[in-house]
C-alpha atoms as a PDB file:
ATOM      1  CA  UNK A   1      -0.009   0.003  -0.007  1.00  0.00           C
ATOM      2  CA  UNK A   2       1.182   3.502  -0.847  1.00  0.00           C
ATOM      3  CA  UNK A   3       0.042   6.709   0.850  1.00  0.00           C
ATOM      4  CA  UNK A   4      -0.628   9.997  -0.897  1.00  0.00           C
ATOM      5  CA  UNK A   5      -0.961  13.554   0.347  1.00  0.00           C
ATOM      6  CA  UNK A   6      -3.646  15.893  -0.934  1.00  0.00           C
ATOM      7  CA  UNK A   7      -2.633  19.492  -1.580  1.00  0.00           C
ATOM      8  CA  UNK A   8      -4.482  21.925   0.755  1.00  0.00           C
ATOM      9  CA  UNK A   9      -6.622  23.660  -1.828  1.00  0.00           C
ATOM     10  CA  UNK A  10      -9.633  24.645   0.303  1.00  0.00           C
ATOM     11  CA  UNK A  11      -9.833  27.795   2.432  1.00  0.00           C
ATOM     12  CA  UNK A  12     -11.505  26.762   5.705  1.00  0.00           C
ATOM     13  CA  UNK A  13     -11.459  30.303   7.018  1.00  0.00           C
ATOM     14  CA  UNK A  14      -7.781  30.426   7.903  1.00  0.00           C
ATOM     15  CA  UNK A  15      -6.790  32.660   5.011  1.00  0.00           C
ATOM     16  CA  UNK A  16      -6.279  32.138   1.314  1.00  0.00           C
ATOM     17  CA  UNK A  17      -3.755  29.476   0.256  1.00  0.00           C
ATOM     18  CA  UNK A  18      -0.351  30.691  -0.933  1.00  0.00           C
ATOM     19  CA  UNK A  19       2.355  29.314  -3.203  1.00  0.00           C
ATOM     20  CA  UNK A  20       4.760  29.115  -0.268  1.00  0.00           C
ATOM     21  CA  UNK A  21       2.252  26.994   1.650  1.00  0.00           C
ATOM     22  CA  UNK A  22       1.793  24.563  -1.266  1.00  0.00           C
ATOM     23  CA  UNK A  23       5.554  24.243  -1.773  1.00  0.00           C
ATOM     24  CA  UNK A  24       6.221  23.702   1.938  1.00  0.00           C
ATOM     25  CA  UNK A  25       3.430  21.098   2.086  1.00  0.00           C
ATOM     26  CA  UNK A  26       4.786  19.174  -0.943  1.00  0.00           C
ATOM     27  CA  UNK A  27       8.314  19.292   0.400  1.00  0.00           C
ATOM     28  CA  UNK A  28       7.228  17.937   3.771  1.00  0.00           C
ATOM     29  CA  UNK A  29       5.051  15.217   2.199  1.00  0.00           C
ATOM     30  CA  UNK A  30       7.976  14.027   0.068  1.00  0.00           C
ATOM     31  CA  UNK A  31      10.310  14.030   3.071  1.00  0.00           C
ATOM     32  CA  UNK A  32       7.815  11.924   5.074  1.00  0.00           C
ATOM     33  CA  UNK A  33       7.748   9.253   2.378  1.00  0.00           C
ATOM     34  CA  UNK A  34       4.383   9.899   0.726  1.00  0.00           C
ATOM     35  CA  UNK A  35       4.485   8.627  -2.855  1.00  0.00           C
ATOM     36  CA  UNK A  36       1.510  10.489  -4.394  1.00  0.00           C
ATOM     37  CA  UNK A  37       0.755  14.183  -4.372  1.00  0.00           C
ATOM     38  CA  UNK A  38      -2.866  14.788  -5.334  1.00  0.00           C
ATOM     39  CA  UNK A  39      -5.309  17.542  -6.181  1.00  0.00           C
ATOM     40  CA  UNK A  40      -8.966  17.459  -7.164  1.00  0.00           C
ATOM     41  CA  UNK A  41     -11.042  19.715  -9.338  1.00  0.00           C
ATOM     42  CA  UNK A  42     -13.940  22.139  -9.013  1.00  0.00           C
ATOM     43  CA  UNK A  43     -14.801  25.329 -10.871  1.00  0.00           C
ATOM     44  CA  UNK A  44     -17.159  26.642  -8.205  1.00  0.00           C
ATOM     45  CA  UNK A  45     -17.759  25.381  -4.697  1.00  0.00           C
ATOM     46  CA  UNK A  46     -19.263  26.311  -1.346  1.00  0.00           C
ATOM     47  CA  UNK A  47     -15.811  27.381  -0.119  1.00  0.00           C
ATOM     48  CA  UNK A  48     -12.862  29.085  -1.855  1.00  0.00           C
ATOM     49  CA  UNK A  49     -10.956  26.412  -3.741  1.00  0.00           C
ATOM     50  CA  UNK A  50      -7.687  26.711  -5.669  1.00  0.00           C
ATOM     51  CA  UNK A  51      -7.557  25.265  -9.149  1.00  0.00           C
ATOM     52  CA  UNK A  52      -6.210  21.712  -8.776  1.00  0.00           C
ATOM     53  CA  UNK A  53      -4.119  21.183 -11.929  1.00  0.00           C
ATOM     54  CA  UNK A  54      -2.573  24.637 -11.503  1.00  0.00           C
ATOM     55  CA  UNK A  55      -1.668  23.834  -7.893  1.00  0.00           C
ATOM     56  CA  UNK A  56      -0.050  20.540  -8.913  1.00  0.00           C
ATOM     57  CA  UNK A  57       2.025  22.338 -11.528  1.00  0.00           C
ATOM     58  CA  UNK A  58       3.157  24.901  -8.966  1.00  0.00           C
ATOM     59  CA  UNK A  59       4.359  22.091  -6.698  1.00  0.00           C
ATOM     60  CA  UNK A  60       6.275  20.058  -9.321  1.00  0.00           C
ATOM     61  CA  UNK A  61       9.753  21.057  -8.197  1.00  0.00           C
ATOM     62  CA  UNK A  62       8.983  20.496  -4.508  1.00  0.00           C
ATOM     63  CA  UNK A  63       7.357  17.128  -5.147  1.00  0.00           C
ATOM     64  CA  UNK A  64      10.634  15.289  -5.690  1.00  0.00           C
ATOM     65  CA  UNK A  65       9.842  11.883  -7.158  1.00  0.00           C
ATOM     66  CA  UNK A  66       6.212  11.674  -6.063  1.00  0.00           C
ATOM     67  CA  UNK A  67       3.528  10.723  -8.541  1.00  0.00           C
ATOM     68  CA  UNK A  68       1.255  13.634  -9.332  1.00  0.00           C
ATOM     69  CA  UNK A  69      -2.386  12.588  -9.423  1.00  0.00           C
ATOM     70  CA  UNK A  70      -5.660  14.293 -10.216  1.00  0.00           C
ATOM     71  CA  UNK A  71      -8.315  12.922  -7.877  1.00  0.00           C
ATOM     72  CA  UNK A  72     -10.243  13.644 -10.031  1.00  0.00           C
ATOM     73  CA  UNK A  73      -9.981  15.943 -13.050  1.00  0.00           C
ATOM     74  CA  UNK A  74     -13.206  16.854 -14.837  1.00  0.00           C
ATOM     75  CA  UNK A  75     -12.910  16.487 -18.615  1.00  0.00           C
ATOM     76  CA  UNK A  76     -16.662  16.843 -19.117  1.00  0.00           C
ATOM     77  CA  UNK A  77     -16.771  20.156 -17.253  1.00  0.00           C
ATOM     78  CA  UNK A  78     -13.490  21.546 -18.665  1.00  0.00           C
ATOM     79  CA  UNK A  79     -13.651  19.819 -22.040  1.00  0.00           C
ATOM     80  CA  UNK A  80     -11.434  16.851 -23.047  1.00  0.00           C
ATOM     81  CA  UNK A  81      -9.100  18.931 -25.246  1.00  0.00           C
ATOM     82  CA  UNK A  82      -8.381  21.389 -22.434  1.00  0.00           C
ATOM     83  CA  UNK A  83      -7.769  18.545 -19.954  1.00  0.00           C
ATOM     84  CA  UNK A  84      -5.603  16.671 -22.442  1.00  0.00           C
ATOM     85  CA  UNK A  85      -3.477  19.777 -22.930  1.00  0.00           C
ATOM     86  CA  UNK A  86      -3.203  20.554 -19.205  1.00  0.00           C
ATOM     87  CA  UNK A  87      -2.277  16.996 -18.132  1.00  0.00           C
ATOM     88  CA  UNK A  88       0.056  16.504 -21.085  1.00  0.00           C
ATOM     89  CA  UNK A  89       1.937  19.639 -19.973  1.00  0.00           C
ATOM     90  CA  UNK A  90       1.959  18.488 -16.347  1.00  0.00           C
ATOM     91  CA  UNK A  91       3.273  15.060 -17.398  1.00  0.00           C
ATOM     92  CA  UNK A  92       6.000  16.610 -19.583  1.00  0.00           C
ATOM     93  CA  UNK A  93       7.131  19.139 -17.007  1.00  0.00           C
ATOM     94  CA  UNK A  94       7.268  16.444 -14.280  1.00  0.00           C
ATOM     95  CA  UNK A  95       9.170  13.968 -16.363  1.00  0.00           C
ATOM     96  CA  UNK A  96       6.286  11.529 -16.786  1.00  0.00           C
ATOM     97  CA  UNK A  97       4.954  11.381 -13.197  1.00  0.00           C
ATOM     98  CA  UNK A  98       1.258  11.976 -13.756  1.00  0.00           C
ATOM     99  CA  UNK A  99      -1.674   9.665 -13.024  1.00  0.00           C
ATOM    100  CA  UNK A 100      -4.841  11.053 -14.617  1.00  0.00           C
ATOM    101  CA  UNK A 101      -7.688  10.375 -12.199  1.00  0.00           C
ATOM    102  CA  UNK A 102     -10.759  11.131 -14.307  1.00  0.00           C
ATOM    103  CA  UNK A 103     -14.397  11.381 -13.289  1.00  0.00           C
ATOM    104  CA  UNK A 104     -17.599  13.261 -14.043  1.00  0.00           C
ATOM    105  CA  UNK A 105     -17.693  15.076 -10.714  1.00  0.00           C
ATOM    106  CA  UNK A 106     -20.719  15.232  -8.503  1.00  0.00           C
ATOM    107  CA  UNK A 107     -21.382  18.994  -8.429  1.00  0.00           C
ATOM    108  CA  UNK A 108     -24.271  20.255 -10.523  1.00  0.00           C
ATOM    109  CA  UNK A 109     -22.945  23.783  -9.913  1.00  0.00           C
ATOM    110  CA  UNK A 110     -19.789  23.012 -11.928  1.00  0.00           C
ATOM    111  CA  UNK A 111     -21.921  21.828 -14.831  1.00  0.00           C
ATOM    112  CA  UNK A 112     -24.143  24.882 -14.669  1.00  0.00           C
ATOM    113  CA  UNK A 113     -21.099  27.150 -14.661  1.00  0.00           C
ATOM    114  CA  UNK A 114     -19.706  25.352 -17.744  1.00  0.00           C
ATOM    115  CA  UNK A 115     -23.065  25.266 -19.561  1.00  0.00           C
ATOM    116  CA  UNK A 116     -23.098  21.453 -19.767  1.00  0.00           C
ATOM    117  CA  UNK A 117     -26.231  19.444 -18.900  1.00  0.00           C
ATOM    118  CA  UNK A 118     -25.627  17.540 -15.672  1.00  0.00           C
ATOM    119  CA  UNK A 119     -27.792  14.623 -16.829  1.00  0.00           C
ATOM    120  CA  UNK A 120     -25.389  13.954 -19.689  1.00  0.00           C
ATOM    121  CA  UNK A 121     -22.299  13.567 -17.488  1.00  0.00           C
ATOM    122  CA  UNK A 122     -21.904   9.787 -17.764  1.00  0.00           C
ATOM    123  CA  UNK A 123     -22.363   9.548 -21.505  1.00  0.00           C
ATOM    124  CA  UNK A 124     -20.003  12.454 -21.970  1.00  0.00           C
ATOM    125  CA  UNK A 125     -17.444  10.931 -19.590  1.00  0.00           C
ATOM    126  CA  UNK A 126     -17.185   7.747 -21.693  1.00  0.00           C
ATOM    127  CA  UNK A 127     -16.523   9.815 -24.771  1.00  0.00           C
ATOM    128  CA  UNK A 128     -14.131  12.159 -22.957  1.00  0.00           C
ATOM    129  CA  UNK A 129     -11.891   9.279 -21.863  1.00  0.00           C
ATOM    130  CA  UNK A 130     -11.734   7.960 -25.409  1.00  0.00           C
ATOM    131  CA  UNK A 131     -10.928  11.461 -26.657  1.00  0.00           C
ATOM    132  CA  UNK A 132      -8.103  11.838 -24.091  1.00  0.00           C
ATOM    133  CA  UNK A 133      -6.480   8.625 -25.282  1.00  0.00           C
ATOM    134  CA  UNK A 134      -6.732   9.685 -28.909  1.00  0.00           C
ATOM    135  CA  UNK A 135      -5.246  13.123 -28.160  1.00  0.00           C
ATOM    136  CA  UNK A 136      -2.334  11.647 -26.148  1.00  0.00           C
ATOM    137  CA  UNK A 137      -1.387   9.049 -28.761  1.00  0.00           C
ATOM    138  CA  UNK A 138      -0.086  10.635 -31.993  1.00  0.00           C
ATOM    139  CA  UNK A 139      -0.889   8.568 -35.025  1.00  0.00           C
ATOM    140  CA  UNK A 140      -3.869   6.833 -33.445  1.00  0.00           C
ATOM    141  CA  UNK A 141      -7.249   7.146 -35.118  1.00  0.00           C
ATOM    142  CA  UNK A 142      -9.227  10.265 -34.268  1.00  0.00           C
ATOM    143  CA  UNK A 143     -12.153   9.802 -31.880  1.00  0.00           C
ATOM    144  CA  UNK A 144     -15.531  10.889 -33.233  1.00  0.00           C
ATOM    145  CA  UNK A 145     -18.540  10.635 -30.976  1.00  0.00           C
ATOM    146  CA  UNK A 146     -21.858  12.235 -30.248  1.00  0.00           C
ATOM    147  CA  UNK A 147     -20.443  14.933 -27.984  1.00  0.00           C
ATOM    148  CA  UNK A 148     -16.728  15.171 -28.856  1.00  0.00           C
ATOM    149  CA  UNK A 149     -14.443  14.810 -31.841  1.00  0.00           C
ATOM    150  CA  UNK A 150     -10.642  14.945 -32.033  1.00  0.00           C
ATOM    151  CA  UNK A 151     -10.532  15.090 -35.824  1.00  0.00           C
ATOM    152  CA  UNK A 152      -7.863  17.560 -36.941  1.00  0.00           C
ATOM    153  CA  UNK A 153      -6.787  18.316 -33.356  1.00  0.00           C
ATOM    154  CA  UNK A 154      -3.172  17.739 -32.297  1.00  0.00           C
ATOM    155  CA  UNK A 155      -1.991  18.356 -28.725  1.00  0.00           C
ATOM    156  CA  UNK A 156       1.588  19.490 -28.932  1.00  0.00           C
ATOM    157  CA  UNK A 157       3.836  19.035 -27.113  1.00  0.00           C
ATOM    158  CA  UNK A 158       2.419  15.746 -25.944  1.00  0.00           C
ATOM    159  CA  UNK A 159       2.906  13.966 -22.641  1.00  0.00           C
ATOM    160  CA  UNK A 160       6.318  12.676 -21.622  1.00  0.00           C
ATOM    161  CA  UNK A 161       5.149   9.071 -22.076  1.00  0.00           C
ATOM    162  CA  UNK A 162       4.232   7.818 -25.489  1.00  0.00           C
ATOM    163  CA  UNK A 163       0.811   6.423 -24.451  1.00  0.00           C
ATOM    164  CA  UNK A 164       0.082   9.334 -22.144  1.00  0.00           C
ATOM    165  CA  UNK A 165      -0.644   9.219 -18.413  1.00  0.00           C
ATOM    166  CA  UNK A 166      -2.469   6.163 -17.088  1.00  0.00           C
ATOM    167  CA  UNK A 167      -6.158   6.906 -16.611  1.00  0.00           C
ATOM    168  CA  UNK A 168      -7.752   5.852 -13.298  1.00  0.00           C
ATOM    169  CA  UNK A 169     -11.519   6.158 -13.559  1.00  0.00           C
ATOM    170  CA  UNK A 170     -13.328   7.567 -10.542  1.00  0.00           C
ATOM    171  CA  UNK A 171     -16.358   5.607  -9.303  1.00  0.00           C
ATOM    172  CA  UNK A 172     -18.142   5.384  -5.969  1.00  0.00           C
ATOM    173  CA  UNK A 173     -18.514   1.656  -6.658  1.00  0.00           C
ATOM    174  CA  UNK A 174     -21.889   1.143  -8.364  1.00  0.00           C
ATOM    175  CA  UNK A 175     -22.251  -1.839 -10.673  1.00  0.00           C
ATOM    176  CA  UNK A 176     -22.386   0.434 -13.722  1.00  0.00           C
ATOM    177  CA  UNK A 177     -19.453   2.474 -12.460  1.00  0.00           C
ATOM    178  CA  UNK A 178     -17.252  -0.616 -11.937  1.00  0.00           C
ATOM    179  CA  UNK A 179     -18.102  -1.839 -15.456  1.00  0.00           C
ATOM    180  CA  UNK A 180     -16.964   1.560 -16.726  1.00  0.00           C
ATOM    181  CA  UNK A 181     -13.737   1.290 -14.730  1.00  0.00           C
ATOM    182  CA  UNK A 182     -12.973  -2.153 -16.169  1.00  0.00           C
ATOM    183  CA  UNK A 183     -13.882  -1.159 -19.701  1.00  0.00           C
ATOM    184  CA  UNK A 184     -12.164   2.222 -19.928  1.00  0.00           C
ATOM    185  CA  UNK A 185      -9.649   2.542 -17.099  1.00  0.00           C
ATOM    186  CA  UNK A 186      -6.068   1.723 -16.222  1.00  0.00           C
ATOM    187  CA  UNK A 187      -7.000   1.849 -12.531  1.00  0.00           C
ATOM    188  CA  UNK A 188      -9.916   2.536 -10.153  1.00  0.00           C
ATOM    189  CA  UNK A 189     -10.144   5.611  -7.945  1.00  0.00           C
ATOM    190  CA  UNK A 190     -12.747   5.148  -5.202  1.00  0.00           C
ATOM    191  CA  UNK A 191     -14.222   7.791  -2.923  1.00  0.00           C
ATOM    192  CA  UNK A 192     -13.019   7.838   0.663  1.00  0.00           C
ATOM    193  CA  UNK A 193     -16.179   9.494   1.982  1.00  0.00           C
ATOM    194  CA  UNK A 194     -18.508   7.121   0.143  1.00  0.00           C
ATOM    195  CA  UNK A 195     -17.200   3.773   1.374  1.00  0.00           C
ATOM    196  CA  UNK A 196     -16.019   1.770   4.349  1.00  0.00           C
ATOM    197  CA  UNK A 197     -13.201  -0.841   4.402  1.00  0.00           C
ATOM    198  CA  UNK A 198     -15.654  -3.726   4.203  1.00  0.00           C
ATOM    199  CA  UNK A 199     -17.676  -2.086   1.426  1.00  0.00           C
ATOM    200  CA  UNK A 200     -14.510  -1.329  -0.535  1.00  0.00           C
ATOM    201  CA  UNK A 201     -13.388  -4.973  -0.275  1.00  0.00           C
ATOM    202  CA  UNK A 202     -16.752  -6.181  -1.583  1.00  0.00           C
ATOM    203  CA  UNK A 203     -16.577  -3.776  -4.495  1.00  0.00           C
ATOM    204  CA  UNK A 204     -13.029  -4.908  -5.329  1.00  0.00           C
ATOM    205  CA  UNK A 205     -14.358  -8.443  -5.689  1.00  0.00           C
ATOM    206  CA  UNK A 206     -17.036  -7.169  -8.080  1.00  0.00           C
ATOM    207  CA  UNK A 207     -14.451  -5.231 -10.048  1.00  0.00           C
ATOM    208  CA  UNK A 208     -12.257  -8.337 -10.346  1.00  0.00           C
ATOM    209  CA  UNK A 209     -15.049 -10.122 -12.166  1.00  0.00           C
ATOM    210  CA  UNK A 210     -15.616  -7.145 -14.474  1.00  0.00           C
ATOM    211  CA  UNK A 211     -11.903  -6.947 -15.231  1.00  0.00           C
ATOM    212  CA  UNK A 212     -11.726 -10.598 -16.162  1.00  0.00           C
ATOM    213  CA  UNK A 213     -14.721 -10.136 -18.437  1.00  0.00           C
ATOM    214  CA  UNK A 214     -12.888  -7.208 -20.064  1.00  0.00           C
ATOM    215  CA  UNK A 215      -9.739  -9.294 -20.564  1.00  0.00           C
ATOM    216  CA  UNK A 216      -7.732  -7.488 -17.886  1.00  0.00           C
ATOM    217  CA  UNK A 217      -5.760  -8.942 -15.000  1.00  0.00           C
ATOM    218  CA  UNK A 218      -7.255  -8.029 -11.599  1.00  0.00           C
ATOM    219  CA  UNK A 219      -4.032  -8.677  -9.688  1.00  0.00           C
ATOM    220  CA  UNK A 220      -2.141  -6.001 -11.583  1.00  0.00           C
ATOM    221  CA  UNK A 221      -4.969  -3.434 -11.867  1.00  0.00           C
ATOM    222  CA  UNK A 222      -4.243  -0.579  -9.423  1.00  0.00           C
ATOM    223  CA  UNK A 223      -6.731   1.136  -7.161  1.00  0.00           C
ATOM    224  CA  UNK A 224      -6.760   4.131  -4.891  1.00  0.00           C
ATOM    225  CA  UNK A 225      -9.061   5.815  -2.402  1.00  0.00           C
ATOM    226  CA  UNK A 226      -9.461   9.618  -2.282  1.00  0.00           C
ATOM    227  CA  UNK A 227     -10.218  11.836  -0.439  1.00  0.00           C
ATOM    228  CA  UNK A 228      -9.820  10.937   3.231  1.00  0.00           C
ATOM    229  CA  UNK A 229     -10.732  14.159   4.994  1.00  0.00           C
ATOM    230  CA  UNK A 230      -8.175  14.586   7.767  1.00  0.00           C
ATOM    231  CA  UNK A 231      -8.350  16.733  10.916  1.00  0.00           C
ATOM    232  CA  UNK A 232      -6.330  16.061  14.051  1.00  0.00           C
ATOM    233  CA  UNK A 233      -7.727  17.316  17.350  1.00  0.00           C
ATOM    234  CA  UNK A 234      -7.805  16.017  20.931  1.00  0.00           C
ATOM    235  CA  UNK A 235     -11.221  17.578  21.490  1.00  0.00           C
ATOM    236  CA  UNK A 236     -14.187  15.439  20.548  1.00  0.00           C
ATOM    237  CA  UNK A 237     -16.418  18.483  20.440  1.00  0.00           C
ATOM    238  CA  UNK A 238     -14.155  20.083  17.844  1.00  0.00           C
ATOM    239  CA  UNK A 239     -14.133  16.908  15.780  1.00  0.00           C
ATOM    240  CA  UNK A 240     -17.913  16.637  15.915  1.00  0.00           C
ATOM    241  CA  UNK A 241     -18.267  20.290  14.944  1.00  0.00           C
ATOM    242  CA  UNK A 242     -16.041  19.795  11.911  1.00  0.00           C
ATOM    243  CA  UNK A 243     -18.286  17.011  10.674  1.00  0.00           C
ATOM    244  CA  UNK A 244     -21.559  18.773  11.478  1.00  0.00           C
ATOM    245  CA  UNK A 245     -20.713  22.363  10.601  1.00  0.00           C
ATOM    246  CA  UNK A 246     -18.030  22.120   7.919  1.00  0.00           C
ATOM    247  CA  UNK A 247     -17.879  18.769   6.086  1.00  0.00           C
ATOM    248  CA  UNK A 248     -21.602  17.990   6.231  1.00  0.00           C
ATOM    249  CA  UNK A 249     -22.766  21.196   4.572  1.00  0.00           C
ATOM    250  CA  UNK A 250     -19.805  21.276   2.200  1.00  0.00           C
ATOM    251  CA  UNK A 251     -20.414  17.730   0.925  1.00  0.00           C
ATOM    252  CA  UNK A 252     -24.187  17.984   1.324  1.00  0.00           C
ATOM    253  CA  UNK A 253     -24.139  14.914   3.534  1.00  0.00           C
ATOM    254  CA  UNK A 254     -26.130  14.166   6.716  1.00  0.00           C
ATOM    255  CA  UNK A 255     -24.037  13.926   9.851  1.00  0.00           C
ATOM    256  CA  UNK A 256     -25.088  10.301  10.384  1.00  0.00           C
ATOM    257  CA  UNK A 257     -23.584   9.277   7.029  1.00  0.00           C
ATOM    258  CA  UNK A 258     -20.260  10.927   7.787  1.00  0.00           C
ATOM    259  CA  UNK A 259     -20.112   9.334  11.231  1.00  0.00           C
ATOM    260  CA  UNK A 260     -20.596   5.883   9.669  1.00  0.00           C
ATOM    261  CA  UNK A 261     -17.454   6.295   7.574  1.00  0.00           C
ATOM    262  CA  UNK A 262     -14.126   5.985   9.467  1.00  0.00           C
ATOM    263  CA  UNK A 263     -12.672   9.300   8.350  1.00  0.00           C
ATOM    264  CA  UNK A 264      -9.387  10.231  10.103  1.00  0.00           C
ATOM    265  CA  UNK A 265     -10.927  13.037  12.159  1.00  0.00           C
ATOM    266  CA  UNK A 266     -10.242  13.228  15.863  1.00  0.00           C
ATOM    267  CA  UNK A 267      -7.302  12.454  18.172  1.00  0.00           C
ATOM    268  CA  UNK A 268      -4.166  10.697  16.847  1.00  0.00           C
ATOM    269  CA  UNK A 269      -5.077   7.562  18.812  1.00  0.00           C
ATOM    270  CA  UNK A 270      -8.295   7.193  16.780  1.00  0.00           C
END
């Protein structure tokens, strides 16, 4: 098992994030032995939120040899050509250290801001992943679908790796989602605040069957869990308030749901 650190993109009322803070965070994470440095993606949110891919790029030099992962990037919201260009640049500047975690996102506000129908997110995601692969692999056939086409489009310079960054497909673990992971992905990215250890194990078994049906080897198919909301405090009241007053409203989740999931919030001993 490898551990990743998530860049502190969200302003929780302690002041806007700075470049120095991101660099110091990445430097410390690398020194502590974390192997992934991650950032997720929103255009608009209930709290101030730095742009994820931009933040990862700013932390490249401080990240040492860590893998840089989007957990997840939103090609449907941003557009597959824009995401292909951004992650190709990140992969090239980092020397081929990018994992492209890709998902539709769960925020209808992002879709409204981008002028994309939220109800089309899954159909568009399937096409967006195919478009990313076509854009990252020079000489491959263009992708032409209902929503996107890469005909006549060349992303230059391309990624550092010939086939482009591996694509880990984000899914909370539904049957349809795991079929999509097996069919289109190079890895599975699960949601840390939508699962428990036992639930995750059960879904891995389901994914193994889907991978075999897709002609892929389950034992070599990677997976990851993001994002594990972390807050260390010795005061139970403070921990409860974080769940009830901050995370619950931000994630639009009832307190009871968040309490069921073993998020690392509370004293170090917990």
